């Protein structure tokens, strides 16, 4: 997503730099406001531009002579499965024979998708498509869910009730293009931001770990 308000001042500076390049490369035709999607390709273009194919470009009306476009690219850097605990209980076996421990949930708690930078709505769609389809915007634990597990003699086990989730590190790249048919030779990487996210899934339940 592009913050249009922050482009006004910097846009005039960019236009001065780009106009000198445009003068050397020839006159560009004025393009009407539109949204263009091009085919996916991971490599940078060989025509001199620094932007990859496969981006969805948004037209930005800068009030100038030459059309400008912006595109946002999300990249997953790392993914680690995790478990979000809403409550924890233990069972101790003080006898010399195995017993069965029982756990019943009594806490309702909601875990929501969090992102440190970027728009959570856009990132949710990207995560669900590229990390796991089980990722959701929020998941709530419920009461009355029971699980059992064996407890060894003179042993202890811990039951944790919660939500399966992912810790995700990601990068957001913002690309800028001046001229028709992006990405062209007057296309470059404008900004890079790194972020982290905790993404809950639809799966809730108990897990048992050694005490």
N, C-alpha and C. Protein backbone atom coordinates (compact mmCIF):
# COMPACT_ATOMS: atom_id res chain seq x y z
N UNK A 1 0.85 -1.20 0.00
CA UNK A 1 0.00 0.00 0.00
C UNK A 1 0.88 1.24 0.00
N UNK A 2 0.42 2.28 -0.68
CA UNK A 2 1.22 3.50 -0.80
C UNK A 2 0.53 4.63 -0.08
N UNK A 3 1.23 5.31 0.76
CA UNK A 3 0.71 6.48 1.47
C UNK A 3 0.82 7.67 0.53
N UNK A 4 -0.30 8.03 -0.07
CA UNK A 4 -0.29 9.09 -1.09
C UNK A 4 0.13 10.44 -0.51
N UNK A 5 -0.24 10.68 0.78
CA UNK A 5 0.04 11.99 1.36
C UNK A 5 1.54 12.24 1.47
N UNK A 6 2.30 11.17 1.69
CA UNK A 6 3.75 11.36 1.88
C UNK A 6 4.49 11.46 0.57
N UNK A 7 3.80 11.28 -0.54
CA UNK A 7 4.45 11.31 -1.85
C UNK A 7 4.56 12.72 -2.44
N UNK A 8 3.79 13.70 -1.88
CA UNK A 8 3.69 15.00 -2.54
C UNK A 8 5.02 15.69 -2.66
N UNK A 9 5.72 15.89 -1.53
CA UNK A 9 7.00 16.60 -1.56
C UNK A 9 8.08 15.79 -2.22
N UNK A 10 8.19 14.49 -1.79
CA UNK A 10 9.24 13.66 -2.38
C UNK A 10 8.98 13.41 -3.85
N UNK A 11 7.66 13.43 -4.27
CA UNK A 11 7.34 13.21 -5.67
C UNK A 11 7.93 14.27 -6.57
N UNK A 12 7.92 15.54 -6.09
CA UNK A 12 8.48 16.62 -6.92
C UNK A 12 9.98 16.44 -7.09
N UNK A 13 10.66 15.99 -6.01
CA UNK A 13 12.10 15.76 -6.11
C UNK A 13 12.40 14.62 -7.06
N UNK A 14 11.59 13.54 -6.96
CA UNK A 14 11.82 12.41 -7.84
C UNK A 14 11.60 12.79 -9.30
N UNK A 15 10.58 13.64 -9.55
CA UNK A 15 10.30 14.01 -10.93
C UNK A 15 11.46 14.76 -11.56
N UNK A 16 12.16 15.61 -10.75
CA UNK A 16 13.31 16.32 -11.29
C UNK A 16 14.40 15.34 -11.73
N UNK A 17 14.64 14.30 -10.88
CA UNK A 17 15.67 13.31 -11.22
C UNK A 17 15.25 12.50 -12.44
N UNK A 18 13.99 12.07 -12.45
CA UNK A 18 13.54 11.20 -13.52
C UNK A 18 13.41 11.94 -14.85
N UNK A 19 13.07 13.24 -14.82
CA UNK A 19 12.92 13.96 -16.08
C UNK A 19 14.21 14.02 -16.87
N UNK A 20 15.34 14.15 -16.16
CA UNK A 20 16.62 14.15 -16.86
C UNK A 20 16.87 12.82 -17.53
N UNK A 21 16.46 11.71 -16.86
CA UNK A 21 16.62 10.40 -17.45
C UNK A 21 15.66 10.20 -18.62
N UNK A 22 14.44 10.75 -18.47
CA UNK A 22 13.45 10.61 -19.53
C UNK A 22 13.88 11.38 -20.77
N UNK A 23 14.47 12.57 -20.58
CA UNK A 23 14.92 13.36 -21.72
C UNK A 23 15.95 12.59 -22.53
N UNK A 24 16.79 11.83 -21.85
CA UNK A 24 17.81 11.05 -22.56
C UNK A 24 17.20 9.85 -23.24
N UNK A 25 16.10 9.32 -22.71
CA UNK A 25 15.53 8.10 -23.25
C UNK A 25 14.41 8.32 -24.24
N UNK A 26 13.93 9.55 -24.41
CA UNK A 26 12.85 9.81 -25.34
C UNK A 26 11.60 10.19 -24.60
N UNK A 27 10.61 10.72 -25.31
CA UNK A 27 9.37 11.20 -24.72
C UNK A 27 8.46 10.02 -24.43
N UNK A 28 7.85 10.02 -23.24
CA UNK A 28 6.93 8.96 -22.86
C UNK A 28 5.50 9.47 -23.01
N UNK A 29 4.63 8.60 -23.49
CA UNK A 29 3.23 8.98 -23.66
C UNK A 29 2.54 9.05 -22.31
N UNK A 30 1.55 9.94 -22.18
CA UNK A 30 0.80 10.10 -20.95
C UNK A 30 -0.17 8.94 -20.84
N UNK A 31 -0.24 8.34 -19.63
CA UNK A 31 -1.08 7.18 -19.41
C UNK A 31 -2.24 7.53 -18.50
N UNK A 32 -3.43 7.06 -18.86
CA UNK A 32 -4.62 7.31 -18.04
C UNK A 32 -4.56 6.45 -16.78
N UNK A 33 -5.35 6.85 -15.76
CA UNK A 33 -5.37 6.13 -14.49
C UNK A 33 -5.88 4.71 -14.70
N UNK A 34 -5.09 3.71 -14.21
CA UNK A 34 -5.46 2.31 -14.41
C UNK A 34 -4.69 1.45 -13.43
N UNK A 35 -5.06 0.19 -13.30
CA UNK A 35 -4.36 -0.78 -12.47
C UNK A 35 -3.95 -1.93 -13.37
N UNK A 36 -2.65 -2.24 -13.40
CA UNK A 36 -2.13 -3.22 -14.34
C UNK A 36 -1.50 -4.38 -13.61
N UNK A 37 -1.79 -5.59 -14.04
CA UNK A 37 -1.15 -6.78 -13.51
C UNK A 37 -0.33 -7.43 -14.60
N UNK A 38 0.94 -7.75 -14.31
CA UNK A 38 1.80 -8.39 -15.29
C UNK A 38 2.15 -9.78 -14.82
N UNK A 39 2.66 -10.61 -15.70
CA UNK A 39 2.94 -12.00 -15.40
C UNK A 39 4.08 -12.15 -14.40
N UNK A 40 4.04 -13.25 -13.66
CA UNK A 40 5.02 -13.48 -12.60
C UNK A 40 6.34 -13.97 -13.17
N UNK A 41 7.43 -13.38 -12.67
CA UNK A 41 8.78 -13.86 -12.95
C UNK A 41 9.65 -13.36 -11.83
N UNK A 42 10.51 -14.18 -11.30
CA UNK A 42 11.25 -13.81 -10.11
C UNK A 42 12.49 -12.98 -10.41
N UNK A 43 13.07 -13.09 -11.58
CA UNK A 43 14.32 -12.40 -11.88
C UNK A 43 14.08 -10.95 -12.24
N UNK A 44 15.10 -10.10 -12.00
CA UNK A 44 15.02 -8.70 -12.41
C UNK A 44 15.05 -8.62 -13.92
N UNK A 45 14.48 -7.57 -14.48
CA UNK A 45 14.41 -7.43 -15.93
C UNK A 45 15.78 -7.15 -16.52
N UNK A 46 15.94 -7.57 -17.78
CA UNK A 46 17.22 -7.40 -18.46
C UNK A 46 17.28 -6.09 -19.25
N UNK A 47 16.20 -5.28 -19.22
CA UNK A 47 16.18 -4.06 -20.02
C UNK A 47 16.73 -2.86 -19.26
N UNK A 48 17.31 -3.07 -18.09
CA UNK A 48 17.91 -1.97 -17.35
C UNK A 48 17.15 -1.57 -16.12
N UNK A 49 15.89 -2.00 -15.98
CA UNK A 49 15.12 -1.67 -14.79
C UNK A 49 15.51 -2.55 -13.62
N UNK A 50 15.18 -2.09 -12.42
CA UNK A 50 15.52 -2.83 -11.21
C UNK A 50 14.29 -3.48 -10.57
N UNK A 51 13.19 -3.58 -11.28
CA UNK A 51 11.96 -4.13 -10.73
C UNK A 51 11.68 -5.51 -11.34
N UNK A 52 11.21 -6.46 -10.51
CA UNK A 52 10.86 -7.77 -11.04
C UNK A 52 9.52 -7.73 -11.75
N UNK A 53 9.30 -8.70 -12.62
CA UNK A 53 7.97 -8.90 -13.18
C UNK A 53 7.07 -9.49 -12.11
N UNK A 54 5.78 -9.56 -12.39
CA UNK A 54 4.84 -10.23 -11.50
C UNK A 54 4.27 -9.35 -10.42
N UNK A 55 4.44 -8.04 -10.48
CA UNK A 55 3.90 -7.13 -9.47
C UNK A 55 2.57 -6.55 -9.93
N UNK A 56 1.73 -6.21 -8.97
CA UNK A 56 0.48 -5.53 -9.28
C UNK A 56 0.68 -4.04 -9.07
N UNK A 57 0.60 -3.28 -10.14
CA UNK A 57 0.94 -1.86 -10.09
C UNK A 57 -0.30 -1.00 -9.89
N UNK A 58 -0.16 0.04 -9.07
CA UNK A 58 -1.22 1.01 -8.84
C UNK A 58 -0.79 2.36 -9.39
N UNK A 59 -1.65 2.96 -10.19
CA UNK A 59 -1.35 4.26 -10.78
C UNK A 59 -1.43 5.35 -9.72
N UNK A 60 -0.46 6.26 -9.73
CA UNK A 60 -0.42 7.37 -8.79
C UNK A 60 -0.48 8.67 -9.57
N UNK A 61 -1.53 9.46 -9.34
CA UNK A 61 -1.71 10.74 -10.03
C UNK A 61 -0.85 11.79 -9.34
N UNK A 62 0.31 12.09 -9.92
CA UNK A 62 1.23 13.05 -9.32
C UNK A 62 1.01 14.48 -9.82
N UNK A 63 0.04 14.66 -10.70
CA UNK A 63 -0.23 15.98 -11.24
C UNK A 63 0.83 16.45 -12.23
N UNK A 64 1.71 15.57 -12.62
CA UNK A 64 2.79 15.94 -13.54
C UNK A 64 2.55 15.43 -14.95
N UNK A 65 3.61 15.47 -15.75
CA UNK A 65 3.50 15.08 -17.15
C UNK A 65 3.65 13.58 -17.37
N UNK A 66 4.31 12.89 -16.44
CA UNK A 66 4.65 11.51 -16.68
C UNK A 66 3.94 10.61 -15.67
N UNK A 67 3.36 9.50 -16.12
CA UNK A 67 2.64 8.61 -15.22
C UNK A 67 3.57 7.91 -14.24
N UNK A 68 3.10 7.74 -13.01
CA UNK A 68 3.87 7.04 -11.99
C UNK A 68 3.06 5.87 -11.47
N UNK A 69 3.77 4.80 -11.13
CA UNK A 69 3.14 3.61 -10.58
C UNK A 69 3.92 3.15 -9.35
N UNK A 70 3.19 2.51 -8.42
CA UNK A 70 3.81 1.91 -7.25
C UNK A 70 3.30 0.48 -7.11
N UNK A 71 4.18 -0.39 -6.59
CA UNK A 71 3.81 -1.79 -6.36
C UNK A 71 4.46 -2.27 -5.07
N UNK A 72 3.76 -3.16 -4.39
CA UNK A 72 4.26 -3.73 -3.13
C UNK A 72 4.51 -5.22 -3.30
N UNK A 73 5.67 -5.66 -2.85
CA UNK A 73 6.04 -7.08 -2.91
C UNK A 73 6.30 -7.60 -1.50
N UNK A 74 5.68 -8.74 -1.15
CA UNK A 74 5.91 -9.39 0.13
C UNK A 74 6.80 -10.61 -0.06
N UNK A 75 7.75 -10.79 0.85
CA UNK A 75 8.67 -11.93 0.79
C UNK A 75 8.74 -12.57 2.17
N UNK A 76 8.55 -13.90 2.24
CA UNK A 76 8.70 -14.63 3.50
C UNK A 76 10.17 -14.96 3.71
N UNK A 77 10.74 -14.51 4.83
CA UNK A 77 12.14 -14.78 5.13
C UNK A 77 12.32 -16.05 5.96
N UNK A 78 11.45 -16.28 6.93
CA UNK A 78 11.54 -17.50 7.75
C UNK A 78 10.18 -17.78 8.39
N UNK A 79 9.95 -19.07 8.67
CA UNK A 79 8.71 -19.51 9.31
C UNK A 79 9.05 -20.53 10.38
N UNK A 80 8.52 -20.32 11.60
CA UNK A 80 8.75 -21.25 12.70
C UNK A 80 7.41 -21.60 13.36
N UNK A 81 7.02 -22.88 13.40
CA UNK A 81 5.79 -23.25 14.11
C UNK A 81 5.91 -22.93 15.60
N UNK A 82 4.81 -22.50 16.19
CA UNK A 82 4.79 -22.19 17.62
C UNK A 82 3.42 -22.57 18.18
N UNK A 83 3.28 -22.42 19.50
CA UNK A 83 2.02 -22.76 20.16
C UNK A 83 1.69 -21.65 21.14
N UNK A 84 0.49 -21.08 21.00
CA UNK A 84 0.05 -19.96 21.84
C UNK A 84 -0.79 -20.52 22.98
N UNK A 85 -0.28 -20.44 24.21
CA UNK A 85 -0.90 -21.09 25.36
C UNK A 85 -1.91 -20.15 26.03
N UNK A 86 -3.13 -20.64 26.20
CA UNK A 86 -4.14 -19.87 26.93
C UNK A 86 -4.23 -20.30 28.39
N UNK A 87 -3.90 -21.56 28.68
CA UNK A 87 -3.86 -22.02 30.07
C UNK A 87 -2.97 -23.25 30.16
N UNK A 88 -2.50 -23.53 31.39
CA UNK A 88 -1.56 -24.63 31.61
C UNK A 88 -1.89 -25.33 32.91
N UNK A 89 -1.90 -26.67 32.90
CA UNK A 89 -2.21 -27.45 34.10
C UNK A 89 -1.23 -28.62 34.19
N UNK A 90 -1.04 -29.14 35.40
CA UNK A 90 -0.13 -30.26 35.60
C UNK A 90 -0.81 -31.37 36.39
N UNK A 91 -0.30 -32.58 36.18
CA UNK A 91 -0.75 -33.75 36.95
C UNK A 91 0.49 -34.45 37.49
N UNK A 92 0.50 -34.72 38.80
CA UNK A 92 1.62 -35.41 39.44
C UNK A 92 1.17 -36.79 39.89
N UNK A 93 1.95 -37.80 39.56
CA UNK A 93 1.67 -39.16 40.00
C UNK A 93 2.62 -39.51 41.15
N UNK A 94 2.08 -39.59 42.35
CA UNK A 94 2.90 -39.87 43.53
C UNK A 94 2.91 -41.35 43.89
N UNK A 95 2.38 -42.18 42.98
CA UNK A 95 2.33 -43.62 43.24
C UNK A 95 3.40 -44.34 42.43
N UNK A 96 3.53 -45.64 42.70
CA UNK A 96 4.51 -46.45 41.98
C UNK A 96 3.89 -47.19 40.80
N UNK A 97 2.67 -46.76 40.41
CA UNK A 97 1.98 -47.36 39.26
C UNK A 97 1.53 -46.25 38.30
N UNK A 98 1.45 -46.56 37.00
CA UNK A 98 0.99 -45.55 36.03
C UNK A 98 -0.45 -45.13 36.32
N UNK A 99 -0.75 -43.86 36.06
CA UNK A 99 -2.12 -43.37 36.17
C UNK A 99 -2.45 -42.58 34.90
N UNK A 100 -3.69 -42.18 34.78
CA UNK A 100 -4.13 -41.37 33.64
C UNK A 100 -4.45 -39.96 34.13
N UNK A 101 -3.78 -38.99 33.54
CA UNK A 101 -4.06 -37.60 33.88
C UNK A 101 -5.12 -37.03 32.96
N UNK A 102 -5.95 -36.16 33.49
CA UNK A 102 -7.04 -35.55 32.73
C UNK A 102 -6.95 -34.03 32.80
N UNK A 103 -7.20 -33.39 31.66
CA UNK A 103 -7.15 -31.93 31.59
C UNK A 103 -8.45 -31.43 30.94
N UNK A 104 -9.05 -30.41 31.52
CA UNK A 104 -10.25 -29.80 30.95
C UNK A 104 -10.07 -28.29 30.89
N UNK A 105 -10.29 -27.72 29.75
CA UNK A 105 -10.07 -26.28 29.57
C UNK A 105 -11.14 -25.47 30.28
N UNK A 106 -10.71 -24.33 30.83
CA UNK A 106 -11.65 -23.47 31.55
C UNK A 106 -11.46 -21.99 31.21
N UNK A 107 -10.62 -21.71 30.21
CA UNK A 107 -10.30 -20.32 29.85
C UNK A 107 -10.65 -20.07 28.39
N UNK A 108 -11.31 -18.95 28.15
CA UNK A 108 -11.56 -18.50 26.79
C UNK A 108 -10.64 -17.32 26.48
N UNK A 109 -9.85 -17.46 25.44
CA UNK A 109 -8.90 -16.40 25.09
C UNK A 109 -8.79 -16.33 23.57
N UNK A 110 -8.70 -15.10 23.04
CA UNK A 110 -8.60 -14.89 21.61
C UNK A 110 -7.19 -14.48 21.23
N UNK A 111 -6.65 -15.15 20.22
CA UNK A 111 -5.35 -14.80 19.67
C UNK A 111 -5.55 -14.27 18.26
N UNK A 112 -5.02 -13.07 18.00
CA UNK A 112 -5.21 -12.42 16.71
C UNK A 112 -3.90 -12.31 15.94
N UNK A 113 -4.02 -12.22 14.64
CA UNK A 113 -2.86 -12.02 13.78
C UNK A 113 -2.21 -10.67 14.11
N UNK A 114 -0.91 -10.67 14.36
CA UNK A 114 -0.19 -9.43 14.62
C UNK A 114 0.92 -9.26 13.60
N UNK A 115 1.15 -8.01 13.18
CA UNK A 115 2.24 -7.70 12.25
C UNK A 115 2.94 -6.45 12.78
N UNK A 116 4.27 -6.42 12.64
CA UNK A 116 5.03 -5.27 13.15
C UNK A 116 5.11 -4.13 12.15
N UNK A 117 4.88 -4.43 10.87
CA UNK A 117 4.87 -3.40 9.85
C UNK A 117 4.02 -3.87 8.68
N UNK A 118 3.39 -2.93 7.98
CA UNK A 118 2.53 -3.28 6.87
C UNK A 118 1.08 -3.41 7.29
N UNK A 119 0.23 -3.74 6.33
CA UNK A 119 -1.20 -3.87 6.57
C UNK A 119 -1.55 -5.32 6.86
N UNK A 120 -2.21 -5.56 8.00
CA UNK A 120 -2.52 -6.93 8.41
C UNK A 120 -3.45 -7.62 7.41
N UNK A 121 -4.36 -6.87 6.78
CA UNK A 121 -5.29 -7.47 5.82
C UNK A 121 -4.53 -8.03 4.62
N UNK A 122 -3.63 -7.24 4.05
CA UNK A 122 -2.85 -7.70 2.90
C UNK A 122 -1.93 -8.85 3.28
N UNK A 123 -1.29 -8.75 4.44
CA UNK A 123 -0.36 -9.79 4.87
C UNK A 123 -1.09 -11.09 5.19
N UNK A 124 -2.30 -11.01 5.73
CA UNK A 124 -3.08 -12.22 5.99
C UNK A 124 -3.29 -13.01 4.71
N UNK A 125 -3.70 -12.34 3.64
CA UNK A 125 -3.90 -13.02 2.37
C UNK A 125 -2.63 -13.64 1.84
N UNK A 126 -1.51 -12.92 2.02
CA UNK A 126 -0.21 -13.43 1.55
C UNK A 126 0.22 -14.63 2.38
N UNK A 127 0.08 -14.56 3.72
CA UNK A 127 0.48 -15.67 4.58
C UNK A 127 -0.37 -16.91 4.32
N UNK A 128 -1.67 -16.74 4.19
CA UNK A 128 -2.55 -17.89 3.98
C UNK A 128 -2.27 -18.57 2.65
N UNK A 129 -1.79 -17.80 1.67
CA UNK A 129 -1.49 -18.38 0.36
C UNK A 129 -0.08 -18.96 0.28
N UNK A 130 0.86 -18.41 1.08
CA UNK A 130 2.26 -18.79 0.92
C UNK A 130 2.88 -19.50 2.12
N UNK A 131 2.22 -19.47 3.27
CA UNK A 131 2.73 -20.17 4.46
C UNK A 131 1.83 -21.36 4.79
N UNK A 132 0.55 -21.09 5.09
CA UNK A 132 -0.40 -22.16 5.40
C UNK A 132 -1.82 -21.65 5.22
N UNK A 133 -2.66 -22.48 4.60
CA UNK A 133 -4.07 -22.12 4.43
C UNK A 133 -4.81 -22.15 5.75
N UNK A 134 -4.20 -22.72 6.80
CA UNK A 134 -4.86 -22.78 8.11
C UNK A 134 -4.73 -21.49 8.90
N UNK A 135 -3.92 -20.55 8.43
CA UNK A 135 -3.75 -19.26 9.12
C UNK A 135 -5.05 -18.47 9.06
N UNK A 136 -5.38 -17.83 10.18
CA UNK A 136 -6.61 -17.05 10.26
C UNK A 136 -6.32 -15.71 10.94
N UNK A 137 -7.26 -14.80 10.85
CA UNK A 137 -7.06 -13.49 11.48
C UNK A 137 -7.19 -13.56 12.99
N UNK A 138 -8.00 -14.48 13.51
CA UNK A 138 -8.11 -14.66 14.95
C UNK A 138 -8.72 -16.02 15.26
N UNK A 139 -8.32 -16.57 16.41
CA UNK A 139 -8.85 -17.86 16.89
C UNK A 139 -9.06 -17.75 18.39
N UNK A 140 -10.16 -18.28 18.87
CA UNK A 140 -10.47 -18.25 20.30
C UNK A 140 -10.49 -19.66 20.87
N UNK A 141 -9.90 -19.82 22.06
CA UNK A 141 -10.01 -21.08 22.77
C UNK A 141 -11.37 -21.14 23.46
N UNK A 142 -11.81 -22.35 23.79
CA UNK A 142 -13.12 -22.53 24.42
C UNK A 142 -12.97 -23.36 25.69
N UNK A 143 -14.01 -23.32 26.51
CA UNK A 143 -14.01 -24.09 27.75
C UNK A 143 -14.62 -25.46 27.52
N UNK A 144 -14.30 -26.39 28.42
CA UNK A 144 -14.92 -27.71 28.39
C UNK A 144 -14.25 -28.72 27.48
N UNK A 145 -13.08 -28.40 26.94
CA UNK A 145 -12.37 -29.34 26.07
C UNK A 145 -11.46 -30.20 26.95
N UNK A 146 -11.64 -31.53 26.87
CA UNK A 146 -10.92 -32.45 27.76
C UNK A 146 -9.93 -33.31 26.98
N UNK A 147 -8.78 -33.57 27.62
CA UNK A 147 -7.78 -34.47 27.06
C UNK A 147 -7.21 -35.31 28.19
N UNK A 148 -6.77 -36.51 27.85
CA UNK A 148 -6.15 -37.39 28.84
C UNK A 148 -4.79 -37.84 28.34
N UNK A 149 -3.91 -38.20 29.28
CA UNK A 149 -2.57 -38.67 28.93
C UNK A 149 -2.03 -39.52 30.08
N UNK A 150 -1.23 -40.55 29.79
CA UNK A 150 -0.66 -41.38 30.87
C UNK A 150 0.41 -40.62 31.64
N UNK A 151 0.47 -40.90 32.95
CA UNK A 151 1.48 -40.30 33.82
C UNK A 151 2.30 -41.44 34.42
N UNK A 152 3.61 -41.47 34.20
CA UNK A 152 4.42 -42.58 34.72
C UNK A 152 4.52 -42.54 36.24
N UNK A 153 4.89 -43.65 36.86
CA UNK A 153 5.05 -43.68 38.33
C UNK A 153 6.01 -42.59 38.81
N UNK A 154 5.60 -41.90 39.84
CA UNK A 154 6.38 -40.81 40.44
C UNK A 154 6.79 -39.76 39.38
N UNK A 155 5.93 -39.61 38.39
CA UNK A 155 6.21 -38.66 37.31
C UNK A 155 5.24 -37.48 37.31
N UNK A 156 5.49 -36.57 36.41
CA UNK A 156 4.66 -35.36 36.29
C UNK A 156 4.55 -34.99 34.81
N UNK A 157 3.35 -34.62 34.40
CA UNK A 157 3.16 -34.12 33.04
C UNK A 157 2.44 -32.77 33.10
N UNK A 158 2.62 -31.98 32.05
CA UNK A 158 2.01 -30.65 31.96
C UNK A 158 1.13 -30.60 30.71
N UNK A 159 -0.09 -30.19 30.90
CA UNK A 159 -1.01 -30.00 29.78
C UNK A 159 -1.15 -28.53 29.45
N UNK A 160 -0.95 -28.19 28.19
CA UNK A 160 -1.09 -26.81 27.71
C UNK A 160 -2.22 -26.74 26.69
N UNK A 161 -3.15 -25.85 26.93
CA UNK A 161 -4.27 -25.66 26.00
C UNK A 161 -4.07 -24.34 25.26
N UNK A 162 -4.23 -24.39 23.96
CA UNK A 162 -4.02 -23.16 23.20
C UNK A 162 -4.22 -23.34 21.71
N UNK A 163 -3.48 -22.55 20.94
CA UNK A 163 -3.67 -22.45 19.50
C UNK A 163 -2.34 -22.68 18.78
N UNK A 164 -2.37 -23.52 17.75
CA UNK A 164 -1.20 -23.68 16.90
C UNK A 164 -1.02 -22.41 16.06
N UNK A 165 0.24 -21.99 15.87
CA UNK A 165 0.50 -20.73 15.17
C UNK A 165 1.86 -20.79 14.48
N UNK A 166 2.19 -19.69 13.81
CA UNK A 166 3.50 -19.55 13.15
C UNK A 166 4.12 -18.21 13.52
N UNK A 167 5.42 -18.24 13.82
CA UNK A 167 6.22 -17.01 13.89
C UNK A 167 6.82 -16.78 12.51
N UNK A 168 6.53 -15.63 11.93
CA UNK A 168 6.93 -15.37 10.54
C UNK A 168 7.76 -14.10 10.49
N UNK A 169 8.91 -14.17 9.80
CA UNK A 169 9.69 -12.99 9.46
C UNK A 169 9.50 -12.71 7.97
N UNK A 170 9.30 -11.46 7.63
CA UNK A 170 8.99 -11.13 6.24
C UNK A 170 9.62 -9.80 5.84
N UNK A 171 9.66 -9.56 4.55
CA UNK A 171 10.17 -8.31 4.00
C UNK A 171 9.12 -7.71 3.07
N UNK A 172 8.96 -6.38 3.16
CA UNK A 172 8.06 -5.65 2.25
C UNK A 172 8.91 -4.75 1.37
N UNK A 173 8.86 -4.98 0.06
CA UNK A 173 9.57 -4.15 -0.91
C UNK A 173 8.57 -3.26 -1.65
N UNK A 174 8.88 -1.98 -1.74
CA UNK A 174 8.05 -1.04 -2.49
C UNK A 174 8.81 -0.61 -3.74
N UNK A 175 8.18 -0.77 -4.90
CA UNK A 175 8.80 -0.42 -6.18
C UNK A 175 8.11 0.79 -6.79
N UNK A 176 8.89 1.57 -7.52
CA UNK A 176 8.41 2.80 -8.15
C UNK A 176 8.75 2.77 -9.62
N UNK A 177 7.77 3.07 -10.46
CA UNK A 177 7.97 3.09 -11.91
C UNK A 177 7.43 4.39 -12.50
N UNK A 178 8.21 5.01 -13.37
CA UNK A 178 7.75 6.17 -14.14
C UNK A 178 7.67 5.78 -15.60
N UNK A 179 6.52 5.98 -16.20
CA UNK A 179 6.34 5.66 -17.61
C UNK A 179 5.33 4.55 -17.81
N UNK A 180 5.00 4.31 -19.06
CA UNK A 180 4.00 3.33 -19.43
C UNK A 180 4.50 1.90 -19.21
N UNK A 181 3.54 0.99 -19.10
CA UNK A 181 3.80 -0.45 -19.10
C UNK A 181 4.85 -0.88 -18.09
N UNK A 182 4.63 -0.64 -16.80
CA UNK A 182 5.62 -1.09 -15.81
C UNK A 182 5.69 -2.61 -15.77
N UNK A 183 6.88 -3.17 -15.41
CA UNK A 183 8.11 -2.45 -15.09
C UNK A 183 8.91 -2.13 -16.35
N UNK A 184 9.40 -0.90 -16.43
CA UNK A 184 10.22 -0.48 -17.56
C UNK A 184 11.62 -0.14 -17.10
N UNK A 185 12.37 0.52 -17.95
CA UNK A 185 13.75 0.84 -17.60
C UNK A 185 13.83 1.91 -16.51
N UNK A 186 12.76 2.70 -16.35
CA UNK A 186 12.74 3.72 -15.30
C UNK A 186 11.97 3.18 -14.09
N UNK A 187 12.42 2.05 -13.61
CA UNK A 187 11.77 1.37 -12.50
C UNK A 187 12.82 0.99 -11.48
N UNK A 188 12.51 1.21 -10.18
CA UNK A 188 13.53 0.95 -9.16
C UNK A 188 12.88 0.56 -7.84
N UNK A 189 13.68 -0.06 -6.99
CA UNK A 189 13.27 -0.37 -5.62
C UNK A 189 13.35 0.91 -4.81
N UNK A 190 12.20 1.34 -4.25
CA UNK A 190 12.15 2.60 -3.52
C UNK A 190 12.37 2.42 -2.02
N UNK A 191 11.84 1.31 -1.46
CA UNK A 191 11.92 1.16 -0.01
C UNK A 191 11.84 -0.32 0.35
N UNK A 192 12.52 -0.69 1.45
CA UNK A 192 12.47 -2.04 1.98
C UNK A 192 12.23 -1.97 3.48
N UNK A 193 11.28 -2.76 3.97
CA UNK A 193 10.98 -2.81 5.40
C UNK A 193 10.90 -4.27 5.84
N UNK A 194 11.46 -4.56 7.02
CA UNK A 194 11.43 -5.91 7.56
C UNK A 194 10.45 -5.97 8.73
N UNK A 195 9.71 -7.06 8.81
CA UNK A 195 8.71 -7.19 9.87
C UNK A 195 8.60 -8.60 10.40
N UNK A 196 7.88 -8.74 11.49
CA UNK A 196 7.61 -10.04 12.09
C UNK A 196 6.11 -10.16 12.36
N UNK A 197 5.65 -11.39 12.42
CA UNK A 197 4.23 -11.63 12.63
C UNK A 197 4.04 -12.89 13.46
N UNK A 198 3.02 -12.88 14.31
CA UNK A 198 2.53 -14.09 14.95
C UNK A 198 1.18 -14.38 14.30
N UNK A 199 1.10 -15.53 13.62
CA UNK A 199 -0.09 -15.85 12.83
C UNK A 199 -0.78 -17.08 13.40
N UNK A 200 -1.93 -16.91 14.06
CA UNK A 200 -2.65 -18.08 14.59
C UNK A 200 -3.29 -18.89 13.47
N UNK A 201 -3.54 -20.17 13.77
CA UNK A 201 -4.24 -21.03 12.82
C UNK A 201 -5.62 -21.37 13.38
N UNK A 202 -6.34 -22.17 12.64
CA UNK A 202 -7.68 -22.57 13.06
C UNK A 202 -7.65 -23.71 14.09
N UNK A 203 -6.45 -24.25 14.36
CA UNK A 203 -6.34 -25.45 15.20
C UNK A 203 -6.11 -25.09 16.67
N UNK A 204 -7.02 -25.56 17.54
CA UNK A 204 -6.90 -25.39 18.99
C UNK A 204 -6.86 -26.77 19.63
N UNK A 205 -6.34 -26.83 20.87
CA UNK A 205 -6.35 -28.11 21.58
C UNK A 205 -5.32 -28.17 22.67
N UNK A 206 -5.23 -29.35 23.29
CA UNK A 206 -4.27 -29.60 24.35
C UNK A 206 -3.01 -30.22 23.77
N UNK A 207 -1.88 -29.90 24.36
CA UNK A 207 -0.65 -30.65 24.11
C UNK A 207 -0.04 -30.97 25.45
N UNK A 208 0.57 -32.16 25.54
CA UNK A 208 1.14 -32.63 26.79
C UNK A 208 2.65 -32.67 26.67
N UNK A 209 3.34 -32.09 27.66
CA UNK A 209 4.80 -32.05 27.66
C UNK A 209 5.29 -32.60 29.00
N UNK A 210 6.54 -33.08 29.03
CA UNK A 210 7.07 -33.59 30.31
C UNK A 210 7.08 -32.51 31.38
N UNK A 211 6.80 -32.90 32.61
CA UNK A 211 6.77 -31.94 33.71
C UNK A 211 8.13 -31.67 34.31
